[in-house]
Amino acid sequence: MLNRECHIALPCKGDQTFAFAQDNEIIFTLIPEMLLDFIQGIRYEQEYEWGLPFFAKLKEEYFLKPK
């Protein structure tokens, strides 16, 4: 924020696959001057039904060797 830059943190495929991170688990910073462009971009994505991909793998639990 002090540098007047935007930053975004998205869950990677590992977070989505193994930790079941969802699309709404996003952290971002936005300077006020960019708010109108941000809203316009979100509306565009909604219009074309874009979003982050979600992949999940479920593995059955397995027993580990004693040592």
PDB file of N, CA and C in Angstrom:
ATOM      1  N   MET A   1       0.824  -1.195   0.000  1.00  0.00           N
ATOM      2  CA  MET A   1       0.000   0.000   0.000  1.00  0.00           C
ATOM      3  C   MET A   1       0.872   1.263   0.000  1.00  0.00           C
ATOM      4  N   LEU A   2       1.969   1.228   0.721  1.00  0.00           N
ATOM      5  CA  LEU A   2       2.828   2.413   0.770  1.00  0.00           C
ATOM      6  C   LEU A   2       3.480   2.688  -0.579  1.00  0.00           C
ATOM      7  N   ASN A   3       3.706   1.644  -1.371  1.00  0.00           N
ATOM      8  CA  ASN A   3       4.322   1.810  -2.687  1.00  0.00           C
ATOM      9  C   ASN A   3       3.299   2.091  -3.775  1.00  0.00           C
ATOM     10  N   ARG A   4       2.027   2.183  -3.403  1.00  0.00           N
ATOM     11  CA  ARG A   4       0.942   2.445  -4.354  1.00  0.00           C
ATOM     12  C   ARG A   4       0.857   1.344  -5.406  1.00  0.00           C
ATOM     13  N   GLU A   5       1.020   0.096  -4.986  1.00  0.00           N
ATOM     14  CA  GLU A   5       0.945  -1.049  -5.877  1.00  0.00           C
ATOM     15  C   GLU A   5      -0.131  -2.007  -5.395  1.00  0.00           C
ATOM     16  N   CYS A   6      -0.623  -2.782  -6.321  1.00  0.00           N
ATOM     17  CA  CYS A   6      -1.580  -3.839  -5.984  1.00  0.00           C
ATOM     18  C   CYS A   6      -0.827  -5.146  -5.782  1.00  0.00           C
ATOM     19  N   HIS A   7      -1.308  -5.936  -4.868  1.00  0.00           N
ATOM     20  CA  HIS A   7      -0.737  -7.263  -4.637  1.00  0.00           C
ATOM     21  C   HIS A   7      -1.891  -8.237  -4.473  1.00  0.00           C
ATOM     22  N   ILE A   8      -1.675  -9.465  -4.950  1.00  0.00           N
ATOM     23  CA  ILE A   8      -2.709 -10.485  -4.831  1.00  0.00           C
ATOM     24  C   ILE A   8      -2.051 -11.801  -4.452  1.00  0.00           C
ATOM     25  N   ALA A   9      -2.701 -12.557  -3.590  1.00  0.00           N
ATOM     26  CA  ALA A   9      -2.241 -13.882  -3.185  1.00  0.00           C
ATOM     27  C   ALA A   9      -3.356 -14.870  -3.493  1.00  0.00           C
ATOM     28  N   LEU A  10      -3.091 -15.766  -4.427  1.00  0.00           N
ATOM     29  CA  LEU A  10      -4.065 -16.778  -4.841  1.00  0.00           C
ATOM     30  C   LEU A  10      -3.625 -18.138  -4.330  1.00  0.00           C
ATOM     31  N   PRO A  11      -4.582 -19.017  -4.027  1.00  0.00           N
ATOM     32  CA  PRO A  11      -4.189 -20.374  -3.657  1.00  0.00           C
ATOM     33  C   PRO A  11      -3.627 -21.103  -4.882  1.00  0.00           C
ATOM     34  N   CYS A  12      -2.479 -21.751  -4.724  1.00  0.00           N
ATOM     35  CA  CYS A  12      -1.886 -22.494  -5.826  1.00  0.00           C
ATOM     36  C   CYS A  12      -2.633 -23.823  -6.004  1.00  0.00           C
ATOM     37  N   LYS A  13      -2.263 -24.561  -7.044  1.00  0.00           N
ATOM     38  CA  LYS A  13      -2.935 -25.843  -7.307  1.00  0.00           C
ATOM     39  C   LYS A  13      -2.762 -26.808  -6.141  1.00  0.00           C
ATOM     40  N   GLY A  14      -1.616 -26.753  -5.459  1.00  0.00           N
ATOM     41  CA  GLY A  14      -1.409 -27.606  -4.292  1.00  0.00           C
ATOM     42  C   GLY A  14      -2.375 -27.261  -3.174  1.00  0.00           C
ATOM     43  N   ASP A  15      -2.564 -25.967  -2.919  1.00  0.00           N
ATOM     44  CA  ASP A  15      -3.529 -25.532  -1.904  1.00  0.00           C
ATOM     45  C   ASP A  15      -4.942 -25.951  -2.284  1.00  0.00           C
ATOM     46  N   GLN A  16      -5.274 -25.821  -3.561  1.00  0.00           N
ATOM     47  CA  GLN A  16      -6.618 -26.198  -4.012  1.00  0.00           C
ATOM     48  C   GLN A  16      -6.816 -27.702  -3.972  1.00  0.00           C
ATOM     49  N   THR A  17      -5.776 -28.446  -4.348  1.00  0.00           N
ATOM     50  CA  THR A  17      -5.904 -29.898  -4.442  1.00  0.00           C
ATOM     51  C   THR A  17      -5.906 -30.574  -3.077  1.00  0.00           C
ATOM     52  N   PHE A  18      -4.928 -30.242  -2.251  1.00  0.00           N
ATOM     53  CA  PHE A  18      -4.752 -30.982  -1.007  1.00  0.00           C
ATOM     54  C   PHE A  18      -5.349 -30.285   0.216  1.00  0.00           C
ATOM     55  N   ALA A  19      -5.417 -28.976   0.214  1.00  0.00           N
ATOM     56  CA  ALA A  19      -5.975 -28.253   1.358  1.00  0.00           C
ATOM     57  C   ALA A  19      -7.394 -27.778   1.082  1.00  0.00           C
ATOM     58  N   PHE A  20      -7.896 -28.064  -0.140  1.00  0.00           N
ATOM     59  CA  PHE A  20      -9.248 -27.683  -0.547  1.00  0.00           C
ATOM     60  C   PHE A  20      -9.494 -26.187  -0.401  1.00  0.00           C
ATOM     61  N   ALA A  21      -8.460 -25.390  -0.735  1.00  0.00           N
ATOM     62  CA  ALA A  21      -8.638 -23.936  -0.741  1.00  0.00           C
ATOM     63  C   ALA A  21      -9.684 -23.578  -1.794  1.00  0.00           C
ATOM     64  N   GLN A  22     -10.534 -22.650  -1.469  1.00  0.00           N
ATOM     65  CA  GLN A  22     -11.625 -22.260  -2.363  1.00  0.00           C
ATOM     66  C   GLN A  22     -11.285 -20.971  -3.101  1.00  0.00           C
ATOM     67  N   ASP A  23     -12.102 -20.652  -4.103  1.00  0.00           N
ATOM     68  CA  ASP A  23     -11.897 -19.444  -4.891  1.00  0.00           C
ATOM     69  C   ASP A  23     -11.974 -18.173  -4.048  1.00  0.00           C
ATOM     70  N   ASN A  24     -12.716 -18.211  -2.959  1.00  0.00           N
ATOM     71  CA  ASN A  24     -12.880 -17.000  -2.157  1.00  0.00           C
ATOM     72  C   ASN A  24     -11.750 -16.803  -1.143  1.00  0.00           C
ATOM     73  N   GLU A  25     -10.740 -17.651  -1.169  1.00  0.00           N
ATOM     74  CA  GLU A  25      -9.607 -17.512  -0.260  1.00  0.00           C
ATOM     75  C   GLU A  25      -8.499 -16.751  -0.961  1.00  0.00           C
ATOM     76  N   ILE A  26      -8.783 -15.508  -1.298  1.00  0.00           N
ATOM     77  CA  ILE A  26      -7.869 -14.646  -2.014  1.00  0.00           C
ATOM     78  C   ILE A  26      -7.594 -13.418  -1.147  1.00  0.00           C
ATOM     79  N   ILE A  27      -6.338 -13.037  -1.089  1.00  0.00           N
ATOM     80  CA  ILE A  27      -5.954 -11.831  -0.355  1.00  0.00           C
ATOM     81  C   ILE A  27      -5.393 -10.850  -1.370  1.00  0.00           C
ATOM     82  N   PHE A  28      -5.886  -9.626  -1.359  1.00  0.00           N
ATOM     83  CA  PHE A  28      -5.344  -8.628  -2.268  1.00  0.00           C
ATOM     84  C   PHE A  28      -5.426  -7.244  -1.652  1.00  0.00           C
ATOM     85  N   THR A  29      -4.547  -6.387  -2.151  1.00  0.00           N
ATOM     86  CA  THR A  29      -4.577  -4.981  -1.768  1.00  0.00           C
ATOM     87  C   THR A  29      -4.878  -4.176  -3.023  1.00  0.00           C
ATOM     88  N   LEU A  30      -5.547  -3.073  -2.840  1.00  0.00           N
ATOM     89  CA  LEU A  30      -5.976  -2.254  -3.968  1.00  0.00           C
ATOM     90  C   LEU A  30      -5.932  -0.787  -3.539  1.00  0.00           C
ATOM     91  N   ILE A  31      -5.318   0.036  -4.374  1.00  0.00           N
ATOM     92  CA  ILE A  31      -5.307   1.465  -4.052  1.00  0.00           C
ATOM     93  C   ILE A  31      -6.624   2.071  -4.537  1.00  0.00           C
ATOM     94  N   PRO A  32      -7.135   3.074  -3.853  1.00  0.00           N
ATOM     95  CA  PRO A  32      -8.458   3.624  -4.173  1.00  0.00           C
ATOM     96  C   PRO A  32      -8.616   4.089  -5.624  1.00  0.00           C
ATOM     97  N   GLU A  33      -7.543   4.589  -6.241  1.00  0.00           N
ATOM     98  CA  GLU A  33      -7.638   5.070  -7.616  1.00  0.00           C
ATOM     99  C   GLU A  33      -7.962   3.954  -8.607  1.00  0.00           C
ATOM    100  N   MET A  34      -7.711   2.720  -8.240  1.00  0.00           N
ATOM    101  CA  MET A  34      -7.944   1.588  -9.141  1.00  0.00           C
ATOM    102  C   MET A  34      -9.289   0.910  -8.913  1.00  0.00           C
ATOM    103  N   LEU A  35     -10.069   1.391  -7.987  1.00  0.00           N
ATOM    104  CA  LEU A  35     -11.304   0.725  -7.616  1.00  0.00           C
ATOM    105  C   LEU A  35     -12.284   0.613  -8.784  1.00  0.00           C
ATOM    106  N   LEU A  36     -12.475   1.667  -9.553  1.00  0.00           N
ATOM    107  CA  LEU A  36     -13.423   1.614 -10.670  1.00  0.00           C
ATOM    108  C   LEU A  36     -12.983   0.598 -11.731  1.00  0.00           C
ATOM    109  N   ASP A  37     -11.678   0.551 -12.050  1.00  0.00           N
ATOM    110  CA  ASP A  37     -11.185  -0.442 -13.003  1.00  0.00           C
ATOM    111  C   ASP A  37     -11.356  -1.854 -12.459  1.00  0.00           C
ATOM    112  N   PHE A  38     -11.144  -2.022 -11.174  1.00  0.00           N
ATOM    113  CA  PHE A  38     -11.314  -3.334 -10.546  1.00  0.00           C
ATOM    114  C   PHE A  38     -12.762  -3.803 -10.656  1.00  0.00           C
ATOM    115  N   ILE A  39     -13.693  -2.936 -10.354  1.00  0.00           N
ATOM    116  CA  ILE A  39     -15.115  -3.286 -10.439  1.00  0.00           C
ATOM    117  C   ILE A  39     -15.492  -3.625 -11.878  1.00  0.00           C
ATOM    118  N   GLN A  40     -14.995  -2.865 -12.830  1.00  0.00           N
ATOM    119  CA  GLN A  40     -15.271  -3.142 -14.240  1.00  0.00           C
ATOM    120  C   GLN A  40     -14.714  -4.519 -14.633  1.00  0.00           C
ATOM    121  N   GLY A  41     -13.532  -4.865 -14.162  1.00  0.00           N
ATOM    122  CA  GLY A  41     -12.943  -6.170 -14.451  1.00  0.00           C
ATOM    123  C   GLY A  41     -13.734  -7.315 -13.840  1.00  0.00           C
ATOM    124  N   ILE A  42     -14.215  -7.141 -12.620  1.00  0.00           N
ATOM    125  CA  ILE A  42     -15.027  -8.174 -11.966  1.00  0.00           C
ATOM    126  C   ILE A  42     -16.346  -8.370 -12.720  1.00  0.00           C
ATOM    127  N   ARG A  43     -16.955  -7.306 -13.155  1.00  0.00           N
ATOM    128  CA  ARG A  43     -18.206  -7.415 -13.924  1.00  0.00           C
ATOM    129  C   ARG A  43     -17.964  -8.151 -15.241  1.00  0.00           C
ATOM    130  N   TYR A  44     -16.844  -7.880 -15.887  1.00  0.00           N
ATOM    131  CA  TYR A  44     -16.500  -8.571 -17.134  1.00  0.00           C
ATOM    132  C   TYR A  44     -16.348 -10.072 -16.884  1.00  0.00           C
ATOM    133  N   GLU A  45     -15.639 -10.444 -15.816  1.00  0.00           N
ATOM    134  CA  GLU A  45     -15.462 -11.859 -15.488  1.00  0.00           C
ATOM    135  C   GLU A  45     -16.797 -12.532 -15.191  1.00  0.00           C
ATOM    136  N   GLN A  46     -17.681 -11.864 -14.484  1.00  0.00           N
ATOM    137  CA  GLN A  46     -18.989 -12.437 -14.194  1.00  0.00           C
ATOM    138  C   GLN A  46     -19.810 -12.617 -15.458  1.00  0.00           C
ATOM    139  N   GLU A  47     -19.708 -11.667 -16.376  1.00  0.00           N
ATOM    140  CA  GLU A  47     -20.470 -11.732 -17.619  1.00  0.00           C
ATOM    141  C   GLU A  47     -20.080 -12.963 -18.439  1.00  0.00           C
ATOM    142  N   TYR A  48     -18.804 -13.306 -18.449  1.00  0.00           N
ATOM    143  CA  TYR A  48     -18.321 -14.448 -19.222  1.00  0.00           C
ATOM    144  C   TYR A  48     -18.111 -15.700 -18.374  1.00  0.00           C
ATOM    145  N   GLU A  49     -18.560 -15.649 -17.109  1.00  0.00           N
ATOM    146  CA  GLU A  49     -18.508 -16.781 -16.177  1.00  0.00           C
ATOM    147  C   GLU A  49     -17.097 -17.322 -16.011  1.00  0.00           C
ATOM    148  N   TRP A  50     -16.139 -16.406 -15.859  1.00  0.00           N
ATOM    149  CA  TRP A  50     -14.767 -16.812 -15.609  1.00  0.00           C
ATOM    150  C   TRP A  50     -14.554 -16.954 -14.116  1.00  0.00           C
ATOM    151  N   GLY A  51     -13.567 -17.750 -13.746  1.00  0.00           N
ATOM    152  CA  GLY A  51     -13.207 -17.908 -12.354  1.00  0.00           C
ATOM    153  C   GLY A  51     -11.954 -18.744 -12.245  1.00  0.00           C
ATOM    154  N   LEU A  52     -11.526 -18.993 -11.063  1.00  0.00           N
ATOM    155  CA  LEU A  52     -10.353 -19.821 -10.861  1.00  0.00           C
ATOM    156  C   LEU A  52     -10.727 -21.294 -10.993  1.00  0.00           C
ATOM    157  N   PRO A  53      -9.852 -22.110 -11.566  1.00  0.00           N
ATOM    158  CA  PRO A  53     -10.164 -23.552 -11.644  1.00  0.00           C
ATOM    159  C   PRO A  53     -10.080 -24.186 -10.264  1.00  0.00           C
ATOM    160  N   PHE A  54     -10.884 -25.184 -10.044  1.00  0.00           N
ATOM    161  CA  PHE A  54     -10.851 -25.912  -8.778  1.00  0.00           C
ATOM    162  C   PHE A  54     -10.659 -27.383  -9.070  1.00  0.00           C
ATOM    163  N   PHE A  55      -9.558 -27.934  -8.602  1.00  0.00           N
ATOM    164  CA  PHE A  55      -9.271 -29.347  -8.781  1.00  0.00           C
ATOM    165  C   PHE A  55      -9.097 -29.966  -7.397  1.00  0.00           C
ATOM    166  N   ALA A  56      -9.681 -31.108  -7.184  1.00  0.00           N
ATOM    167  CA  ALA A  56      -9.552 -31.787  -5.896  1.00  0.00           C
ATOM    168  C   ALA A  56      -9.210 -33.245  -6.128  1.00  0.00           C
ATOM    169  N   LYS A  57      -8.337 -33.768  -5.307  1.00  0.00           N
ATOM    170  CA  LYS A  57      -7.993 -35.184  -5.354  1.00  0.00           C
ATOM    171  C   LYS A  57      -8.274 -35.758  -3.973  1.00  0.00           C
ATOM    172  N   LEU A  58      -9.046 -36.781  -3.935  1.00  0.00           N
ATOM    173  CA  LEU A  58      -9.316 -37.464  -2.677  1.00  0.00           C
ATOM    174  C   LEU A  58      -8.550 -38.780  -2.689  1.00  0.00           C
ATOM    175  N   LYS A  59      -7.749 -38.988  -1.671  1.00  0.00           N
ATOM    176  CA  LYS A  59      -6.973 -40.222  -1.565  1.00  0.00           C
ATOM    177  C   LYS A  59      -7.421 -40.944  -0.305  1.00  0.00           C
ATOM    178  N   GLU A  60      -7.569 -42.247  -0.444  1.00  0.00           N
ATOM    179  CA  GLU A  60      -7.946 -43.001   0.746  1.00  0.00           C
ATOM    180  C   GLU A  60      -6.757 -43.065   1.691  1.00  0.00           C
ATOM    181  N   GLU A  61      -7.058 -43.146   2.949  1.00  0.00           N
ATOM    182  CA  GLU A  61      -6.009 -43.196   3.952  1.00  0.00           C
ATOM    183  C   GLU A  61      -5.309 -44.547   3.891  1.00  0.00           C
ATOM    184  N   TYR A  62      -4.002 -44.552   4.053  1.00  0.00           N
ATOM    185  CA  TYR A  62      -3.258 -45.799   4.021  1.00  0.00           C
ATOM    186  C   TYR A  62      -2.408 -45.882   5.272  1.00  0.00           C
ATOM    187  N   PHE A  63      -2.057 -47.125   5.639  1.00  0.00           N
ATOM    188  CA  PHE A  63      -1.286 -47.362   6.852  1.00  0.00           C
ATOM    189  C   PHE A  63       0.199 -47.241   6.564  1.00  0.00           C
ATOM    190  N   LEU A  64       0.920 -46.604   7.452  1.00  0.00           N
ATOM    191  CA  LEU A  64       2.365 -46.456   7.325  1.00  0.00           C
ATOM    192  C   LEU A  64       3.044 -47.613   8.049  1.00  0.00           C
ATOM    193  N   LYS A  65       4.250 -47.957   7.602  1.00  0.00           N
ATOM    194  CA  LYS A  65       5.029 -48.988   8.271  1.00  0.00           C
ATOM    195  C   LYS A  65       5.434 -48.493   9.658  1.00  0.00           C
ATOM    196  N   PRO A  66       5.622 -49.396  10.617  1.00  0.00           N
ATOM    197  CA  PRO A  66       5.949 -48.976  11.990  1.00  0.00           C
ATOM    198  C   PRO A  66       7.180 -48.095  12.084  1.00  0.00           C
ATOM    199  N   LYS A  67       8.207 -48.331  11.270  1.00  0.00           N
ATOM    200  CA  LYS A  67       9.426 -47.548  11.373  1.00  0.00           C
ATOM    201  C   LYS A  67       9.462 -46.580  10.240  1.00  0.00           C
TER     202      LYS A  67
END
